[in-house]
Amino acid sequence: MKQFLKWLALFMLLPVAIFVITLYSADGRTDPYYLRFTTPPQSSLIVGTSRAAQGIQPHVLDSMLNANGRAVKSFNYSFAIGYSNYGAPYYESIKKKMDPAAQNGVFIVAVDPWSVAGDLATVRAGIPEYEWTFLRTLNNVNMSPNVEYLMEEYDKPLLNILVPDPRKVDDRLLLHEDGWLETNLDLSPSTVTERTAKKVKEYRDTRLNSSAPSPWRLGYLEITVDLLQKHGEVILVRLPVHSSMLVLEDQLMPTFDRTMELLALRKNVKYLSIPVNDREWSFTDGNHLVPSDGAKVTKLIAEELLHP
């Protein structure tokens, strides 16, 4: 009987041990979001959509600011269109990620027309959008390992973390512990051209025709600035895109830059709109900067912060 109980205990403990090991094995290749929910509350944040997630690099920003006497440790808390458009879920998640005691932080708020656009029918009806995303449902964004995220939001079997399917391993994306999402894509000219054409077509055929500037989202952008201003310096940044993408953005919201300038003026913050120049900037798909140019853009932002 004792021998049976020993074996029973072993078989009961084995699944628990595998479960715990799996939780602690999750890392920057688990998915493009997980690690952002495993760090402590932060004192300096980069917020925005996937352009900022891939394009603004905390280690580059911190290096420049620290070398010039500004003690900053920034964290990229940007996600993607559909998740981190400015609105109630993202605002509440940013509040959870902020260290309430933070002072003298630096906050980069990446903006573009898509980030403040809503569903066309909803905007015309004058009602706020209801967004059911993990940013709305995830209660704890500062837990390591983040059991809640892995159990409720991770969209693959947990065993994939411990034993990845070699046929489905994706080495193109790596999420760093500072929140920067590094891409490793084929950057041959023909591939980039094809990828850019596909991305522009997607935005033209789907997003542009179904979107409109949303007063509700613009309002949440404004109160997001209010929230972050309590903890330090805020700068609004419009990252560059390929000229063919800019054409669509100008159709969606021709007054975007002016709207951001007025917001910046009201809130007494800076607005940096980085000019579009296809000869100066390189993109993986017309929408996201390649890593080397992300570093260049981050340096431009740091220089703006260092020179009032």
C-alpha atoms as a PDB file:
ATOM      1  CA  MET A   1       0.000   0.000   0.000  1.00  0.00           C
ATOM      2  CA  LYS A   2       2.802   2.392   0.899  1.00  0.00           C
ATOM      3  CA  GLN A   3       4.516   1.647  -2.383  1.00  0.00           C
ATOM      4  CA  PHE A   4       1.288   2.349  -4.247  1.00  0.00           C
ATOM      5  CA  LEU A   5       0.878   5.710  -2.474  1.00  0.00           C
ATOM      6  CA  LYS A   6       4.450   6.668  -3.356  1.00  0.00           C
ATOM      7  CA  TRP A   7       3.827   5.978  -7.027  1.00  0.00           C
ATOM      8  CA  LEU A   8       0.492   7.791  -6.863  1.00  0.00           C
ATOM      9  CA  ALA A   9       2.171  10.850  -5.327  1.00  0.00           C
ATOM     10  CA  LEU A  10       4.842  10.739  -8.035  1.00  0.00           C
ATOM     11  CA  PHE A  11       2.270  10.637 -10.823  1.00  0.00           C
ATOM     12  CA  MET A  12       0.348  13.484  -9.199  1.00  0.00           C
ATOM     13  CA  LEU A  13       3.442  15.635  -8.806  1.00  0.00           C
ATOM     14  CA  LEU A  14       4.766  15.046 -12.313  1.00  0.00           C
ATOM     15  CA  PRO A  15       2.074  17.080 -14.143  1.00  0.00           C
ATOM     16  CA  VAL A  16       2.440  19.875 -11.599  1.00  0.00           C
ATOM     17  CA  ALA A  17       6.205  19.924 -12.111  1.00  0.00           C
ATOM     18  CA  ILE A  18       5.807  19.999 -15.907  1.00  0.00           C
ATOM     19  CA  PHE A  19       3.277  22.837 -15.569  1.00  0.00           C
ATOM     20  CA  VAL A  20       5.623  24.914 -13.385  1.00  0.00           C
ATOM     21  CA  ILE A  21       8.613  24.282 -15.661  1.00  0.00           C
ATOM     22  CA  THR A  22       6.499  25.310 -18.650  1.00  0.00           C
ATOM     23  CA  LEU A  23       5.505  28.580 -16.982  1.00  0.00           C
ATOM     24  CA  TYR A  24       9.119  29.477 -16.275  1.00  0.00           C
ATOM     25  CA  SER A  25      10.177  28.521 -19.804  1.00  0.00           C
ATOM     26  CA  ALA A  26       8.051  31.206 -21.468  1.00  0.00           C
ATOM     27  CA  ASP A  27      10.285  33.887 -22.971  1.00  0.00           C
ATOM     28  CA  GLY A  28      10.650  36.443 -25.745  1.00  0.00           C
ATOM     29  CA  ARG A  29       9.797  33.899 -28.436  1.00  0.00           C
ATOM     30  CA  THR A  30       6.616  32.672 -26.761  1.00  0.00           C
ATOM     31  CA  ASP A  31       4.573  35.381 -28.505  1.00  0.00           C
ATOM     32  CA  PRO A  32       4.945  39.104 -29.346  1.00  0.00           C
ATOM     33  CA  TYR A  33       3.296  40.257 -26.088  1.00  0.00           C
ATOM     34  CA  TYR A  34       3.950  37.958 -23.132  1.00  0.00           C
ATOM     35  CA  LEU A  35       7.144  39.446 -21.670  1.00  0.00           C
ATOM     36  CA  ARG A  36       5.550  42.899 -21.388  1.00  0.00           C
ATOM     37  CA  PHE A  37       3.296  41.471 -18.684  1.00  0.00           C
ATOM     38  CA  THR A  38       6.097  39.904 -16.616  1.00  0.00           C
ATOM     39  CA  THR A  39       8.040  43.006 -15.538  1.00  0.00           C
ATOM     40  CA  PRO A  40       7.438  45.273 -12.512  1.00  0.00           C
ATOM     41  CA  PRO A  41       5.529  48.574 -12.761  1.00  0.00           C
ATOM     42  CA  GLN A  42       7.518  51.049 -14.848  1.00  0.00           C
ATOM     43  CA  SER A  43       8.601  54.675 -14.424  1.00  0.00           C
ATOM     44  CA  SER A  44       9.132  55.550 -18.135  1.00  0.00           C
ATOM     45  CA  LEU A  45       7.019  54.175 -20.967  1.00  0.00           C
ATOM     46  CA  ILE A  46       6.790  54.047 -24.753  1.00  0.00           C
ATOM     47  CA  VAL A  47       3.175  53.569 -25.824  1.00  0.00           C
ATOM     48  CA  GLY A  48       1.574  53.092 -29.216  1.00  0.00           C
ATOM     49  CA  THR A  49       0.857  50.407 -31.798  1.00  0.00           C
ATOM     50  CA  SER A  50       3.173  47.988 -33.581  1.00  0.00           C
ATOM     51  CA  ARG A  51       5.059  50.824 -35.296  1.00  0.00           C
ATOM     52  CA  ALA A  52       6.302  51.901 -31.888  1.00  0.00           C
ATOM     53  CA  ALA A  53       6.699  48.325 -30.630  1.00  0.00           C
ATOM     54  CA  GLN A  54       9.172  47.611 -33.436  1.00  0.00           C
ATOM     55  CA  GLY A  55      10.487  51.086 -34.127  1.00  0.00           C
ATOM     56  CA  ILE A  56      11.380  52.659 -30.755  1.00  0.00           C
ATOM     57  CA  GLN A  57      14.187  50.945 -28.876  1.00  0.00           C
ATOM     58  CA  PRO A  58      14.433  51.565 -25.108  1.00  0.00           C
ATOM     59  CA  HIS A  59      18.108  50.616 -24.847  1.00  0.00           C
ATOM     60  CA  VAL A  60      19.056  53.228 -27.465  1.00  0.00           C
ATOM     61  CA  LEU A  61      16.911  55.883 -25.813  1.00  0.00           C
ATOM     62  CA  ASP A  62      18.264  55.168 -22.336  1.00  0.00           C
ATOM     63  CA  SER A  63      21.864  55.125 -23.516  1.00  0.00           C
ATOM     64  CA  MET A  64      21.601  58.613 -24.997  1.00  0.00           C
ATOM     65  CA  LEU A  65      19.599  60.122 -22.158  1.00  0.00           C
ATOM     66  CA  ASN A  66      21.754  58.570 -19.437  1.00  0.00           C
ATOM     67  CA  ALA A  67      24.937  59.767 -21.140  1.00  0.00           C
ATOM     68  CA  ASN A  68      23.542  63.283 -20.942  1.00  0.00           C
ATOM     69  CA  GLY A  69      22.639  63.192 -17.284  1.00  0.00           C
ATOM     70  CA  ARG A  70      19.031  62.011 -17.447  1.00  0.00           C
ATOM     71  CA  ALA A  71      18.595  58.850 -15.403  1.00  0.00           C
ATOM     72  CA  VAL A  72      15.950  56.940 -17.348  1.00  0.00           C
ATOM     73  CA  LYS A  73      15.060  53.279 -17.698  1.00  0.00           C
ATOM     74  CA  SER A  74      12.333  53.092 -20.315  1.00  0.00           C
ATOM     75  CA  PHE A  75       9.995  50.270 -21.237  1.00  0.00           C
ATOM     76  CA  ASN A  76       8.157  49.700 -24.510  1.00  0.00           C
ATOM     77  CA  TYR A  77       4.508  49.022 -23.705  1.00  0.00           C
ATOM     78  CA  SER A  78       3.256  49.196 -27.286  1.00  0.00           C
ATOM     79  CA  PHE A  79       1.233  46.431 -28.920  1.00  0.00           C
ATOM     80  CA  ALA A  80      -0.649  46.556 -32.241  1.00  0.00           C
ATOM     81  CA  ILE A  81      -3.625  47.960 -34.109  1.00  0.00           C
ATOM     82  CA  GLY A  82      -6.702  46.269 -32.699  1.00  0.00           C
ATOM     83  CA  TYR A  83      -5.126  46.055 -29.241  1.00  0.00           C
ATOM     84  CA  SER A  84      -3.423  49.347 -28.418  1.00  0.00           C
ATOM     85  CA  ASN A  85      -5.384  51.915 -30.364  1.00  0.00           C
ATOM     86  CA  TYR A  86      -6.049  54.700 -27.884  1.00  0.00           C
ATOM     87  CA  GLY A  87      -9.172  53.806 -25.948  1.00  0.00           C
ATOM     88  CA  ALA A  88     -10.438  52.531 -22.607  1.00  0.00           C
ATOM     89  CA  PRO A  89      -8.688  49.111 -22.551  1.00  0.00           C
ATOM     90  CA  TYR A  90      -5.260  50.527 -23.407  1.00  0.00           C
ATOM     91  CA  TYR A  91      -5.641  53.453 -21.019  1.00  0.00           C
ATOM     92  CA  GLU A  92      -6.525  51.155 -18.111  1.00  0.00           C
ATOM     93  CA  SER A  93      -3.651  48.804 -18.954  1.00  0.00           C
ATOM     94  CA  ILE A  94      -1.179  51.703 -19.039  1.00  0.00           C
ATOM     95  CA  LYS A  95      -2.429  52.735 -15.588  1.00  0.00           C
ATOM     96  CA  LYS A  96      -1.723  49.229 -14.304  1.00  0.00           C
ATOM     97  CA  LYS A  97       1.770  49.250 -15.820  1.00  0.00           C
ATOM     98  CA  MET A  98       2.698  52.648 -14.364  1.00  0.00           C
ATOM     99  CA  ASP A  99       4.573  52.864 -11.094  1.00  0.00           C
ATOM    100  CA  PRO A 100       2.257  55.200  -9.146  1.00  0.00           C
ATOM    101  CA  ALA A 101       5.268  56.666  -7.328  1.00  0.00           C
ATOM    102  CA  ALA A 102       7.223  57.434 -10.518  1.00  0.00           C
ATOM    103  CA  GLN A 103       8.580  60.951 -10.989  1.00  0.00           C
ATOM    104  CA  ASN A 104      10.767  62.577 -13.655  1.00  0.00           C
ATOM    105  CA  GLY A 105      10.005  59.802 -16.129  1.00  0.00           C
ATOM    106  CA  VAL A 106      10.044  60.034 -19.909  1.00  0.00           C
ATOM    107  CA  PHE A 107       6.962  59.048 -21.893  1.00  0.00           C
ATOM    108  CA  ILE A 108       6.927  58.638 -25.660  1.00  0.00           C
ATOM    109  CA  VAL A 109       3.378  58.558 -27.004  1.00  0.00           C
ATOM    110  CA  ALA A 110       3.483  57.299 -30.597  1.00  0.00           C
ATOM    111  CA  VAL A 111       0.563  58.547 -32.687  1.00  0.00           C
ATOM    112  CA  ASP A 112      -0.755  58.103 -36.218  1.00  0.00           C
ATOM    113  CA  PRO A 113      -4.204  58.342 -37.820  1.00  0.00           C
ATOM    114  CA  TRP A 114      -4.914  54.623 -37.394  1.00  0.00           C
ATOM    115  CA  SER A 115      -4.260  54.793 -33.645  1.00  0.00           C
ATOM    116  CA  VAL A 116      -7.107  57.300 -33.188  1.00  0.00           C
ATOM    117  CA  ALA A 117      -9.449  55.880 -35.823  1.00  0.00           C
ATOM    118  CA  GLY A 118     -12.568  53.901 -35.047  1.00  0.00           C
ATOM    119  CA  ASP A 119     -15.066  51.770 -36.880  1.00  0.00           C
ATOM    120  CA  LEU A 120     -16.792  53.972 -39.450  1.00  0.00           C
ATOM    121  CA  ALA A 121     -20.346  52.940 -38.525  1.00  0.00           C
ATOM    122  CA  THR A 122     -19.664  53.392 -34.821  1.00  0.00           C
ATOM    123  CA  VAL A 123     -18.140  56.833 -35.312  1.00  0.00           C
ATOM    124  CA  ARG A 124     -21.090  57.932 -37.462  1.00  0.00           C
ATOM    125  CA  ALA A 125     -23.490  56.692 -34.784  1.00  0.00           C
ATOM    126  CA  GLY A 126     -21.636  58.758 -32.198  1.00  0.00           C
ATOM    127  CA  ILE A 127     -21.087  55.887 -29.782  1.00  0.00           C
ATOM    128  CA  PRO A 128     -17.848  54.584 -28.240  1.00  0.00           C
ATOM    129  CA  GLU A 129     -16.437  51.305 -29.454  1.00  0.00           C
ATOM    130  CA  TYR A 130     -16.513  48.336 -27.125  1.00  0.00           C
ATOM    131  CA  GLU A 131     -13.249  46.472 -27.410  1.00  0.00           C
ATOM    132  CA  TRP A 132     -12.912  42.956 -26.088  1.00  0.00           C
ATOM    133  CA  THR A 133      -9.149  42.401 -26.058  1.00  0.00           C
ATOM    134  CA  PHE A 134      -6.662  40.938 -23.622  1.00  0.00           C
ATOM    135  CA  LEU A 135      -5.786  44.484 -22.548  1.00  0.00           C
ATOM    136  CA  ARG A 136      -9.330  44.792 -21.224  1.00  0.00           C
ATOM    137  CA  THR A 137      -9.499  41.394 -19.538  1.00  0.00           C
ATOM    138  CA  LEU A 138      -5.958  40.973 -18.184  1.00  0.00           C
ATOM    139  CA  ASN A 139      -5.957  41.999 -14.527  1.00  0.00           C
ATOM    140  CA  ASN A 140      -2.278  41.646 -13.673  1.00  0.00           C
ATOM    141  CA  VAL A 141       0.327  43.065 -16.065  1.00  0.00           C
ATOM    142  CA  ASN A 142       3.264  42.883 -13.629  1.00  0.00           C
ATOM    143  CA  MET A 143       3.577  39.181 -12.738  1.00  0.00           C
ATOM    144  CA  SER A 144       6.417  36.756 -13.508  1.00  0.00           C
ATOM    145  CA  PRO A 145       5.554  34.195 -14.646  1.00  0.00           C
ATOM    146  CA  ASN A 146       2.223  35.635 -15.682  1.00  0.00           C
ATOM    147  CA  VAL A 147      -0.033  32.651 -15.102  1.00  0.00           C
ATOM    148  CA  GLU A 148      -3.173  34.629 -15.936  1.00  0.00           C
ATOM    149  CA  TYR A 149      -1.930  35.557 -19.400  1.00  0.00           C
ATOM    150  CA  LEU A 150      -0.637  32.093 -20.244  1.00  0.00           C
ATOM    151  CA  MET A 151      -3.780  30.346 -19.032  1.00  0.00           C
ATOM    152  CA  GLU A 152      -6.378  32.747 -20.430  1.00  0.00           C
ATOM    153  CA  GLU A 153      -4.836  34.710 -23.313  1.00  0.00           C
ATOM    154  CA  TYR A 154      -2.062  32.583 -24.834  1.00  0.00           C
ATOM    155  CA  ASP A 155      -3.623  31.125 -27.978  1.00  0.00           C
ATOM    156  CA  LYS A 156      -1.562  27.941 -28.277  1.00  0.00           C
ATOM    157  CA  PRO A 157      -1.294  24.792 -26.148  1.00  0.00           C
ATOM    158  CA  LEU A 158       0.964  25.450 -23.143  1.00  0.00           C
ATOM    159  CA  LEU A 159       3.076  22.441 -24.068  1.00  0.00           C
ATOM    160  CA  ASN A 160       4.239  24.389 -27.145  1.00  0.00           C
ATOM    161  CA  ILE A 161       6.285  26.581 -24.800  1.00  0.00           C
ATOM    162  CA  LEU A 162       8.219  23.635 -23.440  1.00  0.00           C
ATOM    163  CA  VAL A 163       8.352  21.570 -26.636  1.00  0.00           C
ATOM    164  CA  PRO A 164       7.897  23.880 -29.652  1.00  0.00           C
ATOM    165  CA  ASP A 165       6.739  22.322 -32.901  1.00  0.00           C
ATOM    166  CA  PRO A 166       9.856  22.668 -35.125  1.00  0.00           C
ATOM    167  CA  ARG A 167       7.574  23.128 -38.142  1.00  0.00           C
ATOM    168  CA  LYS A 168       5.993  26.209 -36.551  1.00  0.00           C
ATOM    169  CA  VAL A 169       8.927  27.867 -34.805  1.00  0.00           C
ATOM    170  CA  ASP A 170       9.061  31.526 -35.864  1.00  0.00           C
ATOM    171  CA  ASP A 171      12.505  33.082 -35.522  1.00  0.00           C
ATOM    172  CA  ARG A 172      11.428  36.319 -37.178  1.00  0.00           C
ATOM    173  CA  LEU A 173      10.245  37.974 -33.958  1.00  0.00           C
ATOM    174  CA  LEU A 174      12.014  38.371 -30.628  1.00  0.00           C
ATOM    175  CA  LEU A 175      10.469  40.324 -27.761  1.00  0.00           C
ATOM    176  CA  HIS A 176      13.159  41.788 -25.516  1.00  0.00           C
ATOM    177  CA  GLU A 177      12.767  42.222 -21.773  1.00  0.00           C
ATOM    178  CA  ASP A 178      12.576  46.007 -22.238  1.00  0.00           C
ATOM    179  CA  GLY A 179       9.498  45.545 -24.449  1.00  0.00           C
ATOM    180  CA  TRP A 180      11.157  46.166 -27.820  1.00  0.00           C
ATOM    181  CA  LEU A 181       9.950  43.748 -30.514  1.00  0.00           C
ATOM    182  CA  GLU A 182      12.889  42.926 -32.765  1.00  0.00           C
ATOM    183  CA  THR A 183      12.204  41.657 -36.262  1.00  0.00           C
ATOM    184  CA  ASN A 184      14.465  39.471 -38.348  1.00  0.00           C
ATOM    185  CA  LEU A 185      12.894  39.446 -41.796  1.00  0.00           C
ATOM    186  CA  ASP A 186      14.150  38.966 -45.321  1.00  0.00           C
ATOM    187  CA  LEU A 187      15.121  42.494 -46.427  1.00  0.00           C
ATOM    188  CA  SER A 188      16.013  41.758 -50.034  1.00  0.00           C
ATOM    189  CA  PRO A 189      14.607  44.575 -52.210  1.00  0.00           C
ATOM    190  CA  SER A 190      12.173  42.368 -54.134  1.00  0.00           C
ATOM    191  CA  THR A 191      10.756  40.850 -50.947  1.00  0.00           C
ATOM    192  CA  VAL A 192      10.377  44.227 -49.240  1.00  0.00           C
ATOM    193  CA  THR A 193       8.661  45.651 -52.330  1.00  0.00           C
ATOM    194  CA  GLU A 194       6.231  42.740 -52.414  1.00  0.00           C
ATOM    195  CA  ARG A 195       5.580  42.959 -48.671  1.00  0.00           C
ATOM    196  CA  THR A 196       5.004  46.729 -48.884  1.00  0.00           C
ATOM    197  CA  ALA A 197       2.538  46.384 -51.750  1.00  0.00           C
ATOM    198  CA  LYS A 198       0.623  43.749 -49.798  1.00  0.00           C
ATOM    199  CA  LYS A 199       0.514  45.868 -46.634  1.00  0.00           C
ATOM    200  CA  VAL A 200      -0.622  49.002 -48.472  1.00  0.00           C
ATOM    201  CA  LYS A 201      -3.319  47.016 -50.291  1.00  0.00           C
ATOM    202  CA  GLU A 202      -4.548  45.602 -46.975  1.00  0.00           C
ATOM    203  CA  TYR A 203      -4.854  49.078 -45.459  1.00  0.00           C
ATOM    204  CA  ARG A 204      -6.418  50.565 -48.597  1.00  0.00           C
ATOM    205  CA  ASP A 205      -8.951  47.791 -49.170  1.00  0.00           C
ATOM    206  CA  THR A 206      -9.955  47.044 -45.577  1.00  0.00           C
ATOM    207  CA  ARG A 207      -8.928  49.623 -42.983  1.00  0.00           C
ATOM    208  CA  LEU A 208      -9.350  52.833 -44.966  1.00  0.00           C
ATOM    209  CA  ASN A 209     -12.883  52.098 -46.157  1.00  0.00           C
ATOM    210  CA  SER A 210     -14.102  50.995 -42.741  1.00  0.00           C
ATOM    211  CA  SER A 211     -12.418  53.603 -40.498  1.00  0.00           C
ATOM    212  CA  ALA A 212     -12.904  57.223 -39.493  1.00  0.00           C
ATOM    213  CA  PRO A 213     -11.229  59.575 -36.994  1.00  0.00           C
ATOM    214  CA  SER A 214     -12.825  58.865 -33.629  1.00  0.00           C
ATOM    215  CA  PRO A 215     -13.546  61.668 -31.136  1.00  0.00           C
ATOM    216  CA  TRP A 216     -13.753  58.959 -28.475  1.00  0.00           C
ATOM    217  CA  ARG A 217     -10.239  57.697 -29.241  1.00  0.00           C
ATOM    218  CA  LEU A 218      -8.865  61.231 -29.475  1.00  0.00           C
ATOM    219  CA  GLY A 219     -10.347  61.867 -26.045  1.00  0.00           C
ATOM    220  CA  TYR A 220      -8.602  58.800 -24.640  1.00  0.00           C
ATOM    221  CA  LEU A 221      -5.329  59.909 -26.221  1.00  0.00           C
ATOM    222  CA  GLU A 222      -5.722  63.197 -24.370  1.00  0.00           C
ATOM    223  CA  ILE A 223      -6.385  61.623 -20.981  1.00  0.00           C
ATOM    224  CA  THR A 224      -3.503  59.203 -21.587  1.00  0.00           C
ATOM    225  CA  VAL A 225      -1.247  62.257 -21.930  1.00  0.00           C
ATOM    226  CA  ASP A 226      -2.787  63.652 -18.726  1.00  0.00           C
ATOM    227  CA  LEU A 227      -2.035  60.413 -16.886  1.00  0.00           C
ATOM    228  CA  LEU A 228       1.582  60.248 -18.015  1.00  0.00           C
ATOM    229  CA  GLN A 229       2.242  63.944 -17.395  1.00  0.00           C
ATOM    230  CA  LYS A 230       1.722  63.348 -13.688  1.00  0.00           C
ATOM    231  CA  HIS A 231       4.883  61.248 -13.733  1.00  0.00           C
ATOM    232  CA  GLY A 232       7.251  63.144 -16.020  1.00  0.00           C
ATOM    233  CA  GLU A 233       7.844  64.513 -19.498  1.00  0.00           C
ATOM    234  CA  VAL A 234       5.603  63.504 -22.408  1.00  0.00           C
ATOM    235  CA  ILE A 235       6.408  63.767 -26.106  1.00  0.00           C
ATOM    236  CA  LEU A 236       4.024  62.911 -28.936  1.00  0.00           C
ATOM    237  CA  VAL A 237       5.814  61.247 -31.866  1.00  0.00           C
ATOM    238  CA  ARG A 238       4.640  60.416 -35.360  1.00  0.00           C
ATOM    239  CA  LEU A 239       6.982  57.809 -36.790  1.00  0.00           C
ATOM    240  CA  PRO A 240       7.816  57.831 -40.505  1.00  0.00           C
ATOM    241  CA  VAL A 241       6.185  55.416 -42.936  1.00  0.00           C
ATOM    242  CA  HIS A 242       6.576  54.688 -46.630  1.00  0.00           C
ATOM    243  CA  SER A 243       5.136  57.415 -48.856  1.00  0.00           C
ATOM    244  CA  SER A 244       2.477  55.047 -50.220  1.00  0.00           C
ATOM    245  CA  MET A 245       1.215  54.476 -46.663  1.00  0.00           C
ATOM    246  CA  LEU A 246       1.258  58.200 -45.968  1.00  0.00           C
ATOM    247  CA  VAL A 247      -1.102  58.752 -48.902  1.00  0.00           C
ATOM    248  CA  LEU A 248      -3.688  56.533 -47.186  1.00  0.00           C
ATOM    249  CA  GLU A 249      -3.208  58.261 -43.846  1.00  0.00           C
ATOM    250  CA  ASP A 250      -3.738  61.643 -45.437  1.00  0.00           C
ATOM    251  CA  GLN A 251      -6.990  60.347 -46.895  1.00  0.00           C
ATOM    252  CA  LEU A 252      -8.095  58.991 -43.537  1.00  0.00           C
ATOM    253  CA  MET A 253      -7.258  62.133 -41.559  1.00  0.00           C
ATOM    254  CA  PRO A 254      -5.880  65.084 -43.575  1.00  0.00           C
ATOM    255  CA  THR A 255      -5.736  67.289 -40.470  1.00  0.00           C
ATOM    256  CA  PHE A 256      -3.859  64.788 -38.316  1.00  0.00           C
ATOM    257  CA  ASP A 257      -0.645  66.784 -37.837  1.00  0.00           C
ATOM    258  CA  ARG A 258      -2.584  69.944 -37.048  1.00  0.00           C
ATOM    259  CA  THR A 259      -4.756  68.038 -34.568  1.00  0.00           C
ATOM    260  CA  MET A 260      -1.665  66.715 -32.802  1.00  0.00           C
ATOM    261  CA  GLU A 261      -0.028  70.157 -32.792  1.00  0.00           C
ATOM    262  CA  LEU A 262      -3.089  71.626 -31.098  1.00  0.00           C
ATOM    263  CA  LEU A 263      -3.189  68.783 -28.574  1.00  0.00           C
ATOM    264  CA  ALA A 264       0.481  69.301 -27.800  1.00  0.00           C
ATOM    265  CA  LEU A 265      -0.096  73.026 -27.384  1.00  0.00           C
ATOM    266  CA  ARG A 266      -3.016  72.486 -24.992  1.00  0.00           C
ATOM    267  CA  LYS A 267      -1.046  70.026 -22.894  1.00  0.00           C
ATOM    268  CA  ASN A 268       2.263  71.897 -23.096  1.00  0.00           C
ATOM    269  CA  VAL A 269       4.115  68.919 -24.551  1.00  0.00           C
ATOM    270  CA  LYS A 270       6.229  68.463 -27.662  1.00  0.00           C
ATOM    271  CA  TYR A 271       5.009  66.991 -30.925  1.00  0.00           C
ATOM    272  CA  LEU A 272       7.666  65.456 -33.172  1.00  0.00           C
ATOM    273  CA  SER A 273       6.452  64.494 -36.640  1.00  0.00           C
ATOM    274  CA  ILE A 274       9.352  62.763 -38.368  1.00  0.00           C
ATOM    275  CA  PRO A 275       9.235  63.546 -42.112  1.00  0.00           C
ATOM    276  CA  VAL A 276       8.521  60.808 -44.612  1.00  0.00           C
ATOM    277  CA  ASN A 277      11.478  60.223 -46.919  1.00  0.00           C
ATOM    278  CA  ASP A 278      11.707  56.935 -48.812  1.00  0.00           C
ATOM    279  CA  ARG A 279      15.413  57.492 -49.447  1.00  0.00           C
ATOM    280  CA  GLU A 280      16.215  58.008 -45.781  1.00  0.00           C
ATOM    281  CA  TRP A 281      14.070  55.401 -44.056  1.00  0.00           C
ATOM    282  CA  SER A 282      13.795  51.681 -44.723  1.00  0.00           C
ATOM    283  CA  PHE A 283      10.808  49.552 -43.777  1.00  0.00           C
ATOM    284  CA  THR A 284      10.080  45.865 -43.556  1.00  0.00           C
ATOM    285  CA  ASP A 285       6.642  46.401 -45.126  1.00  0.00           C
ATOM    286  CA  GLY A 286       6.078  50.127 -45.619  1.00  0.00           C
ATOM    287  CA  ASN A 287       4.610  50.351 -42.130  1.00  0.00           C
ATOM    288  CA  HIS A 288       7.362  49.212 -39.740  1.00  0.00           C
ATOM    289  CA  LEU A 289      10.942  50.448 -39.630  1.00  0.00           C
ATOM    290  CA  VAL A 290      13.800  47.996 -40.017  1.00  0.00           C
ATOM    291  CA  PRO A 291      15.743  47.610 -36.734  1.00  0.00           C
ATOM    292  CA  SER A 292      18.706  49.757 -37.819  1.00  0.00           C
ATOM    293  CA  ASP A 293      16.420  52.635 -38.761  1.00  0.00           C
ATOM    294  CA  GLY A 294      14.434  52.131 -35.582  1.00  0.00           C
ATOM    295  CA  ALA A 295      17.666  52.886 -33.732  1.00  0.00           C
ATOM    296  CA  LYS A 296      18.118  56.052 -35.856  1.00  0.00           C
ATOM    297  CA  VAL A 297      14.576  57.203 -35.118  1.00  0.00           C
ATOM    298  CA  THR A 298      15.046  56.535 -31.408  1.00  0.00           C
ATOM    299  CA  LYS A 299      18.158  58.727 -31.437  1.00  0.00           C
ATOM    300  CA  LEU A 300      16.159  61.528 -33.073  1.00  0.00           C
ATOM    301  CA  ILE A 301      13.580  61.279 -30.307  1.00  0.00           C
ATOM    302  CA  ALA A 302      16.294  61.334 -27.639  1.00  0.00           C
ATOM    303  CA  GLU A 303      17.845  64.420 -29.216  1.00  0.00           C
ATOM    304  CA  GLU A 304      14.452  66.154 -29.140  1.00  0.00           C
ATOM    305  CA  LEU A 305      14.106  65.330 -25.462  1.00  0.00           C
ATOM    306  CA  LEU A 306      17.597  66.610 -24.690  1.00  0.00           C
ATOM    307  CA  HIS A 307      17.178  69.936 -26.475  1.00  0.00           C
ATOM    308  CA  PRO A 308      14.130  71.877 -25.266  1.00  0.00           C
END
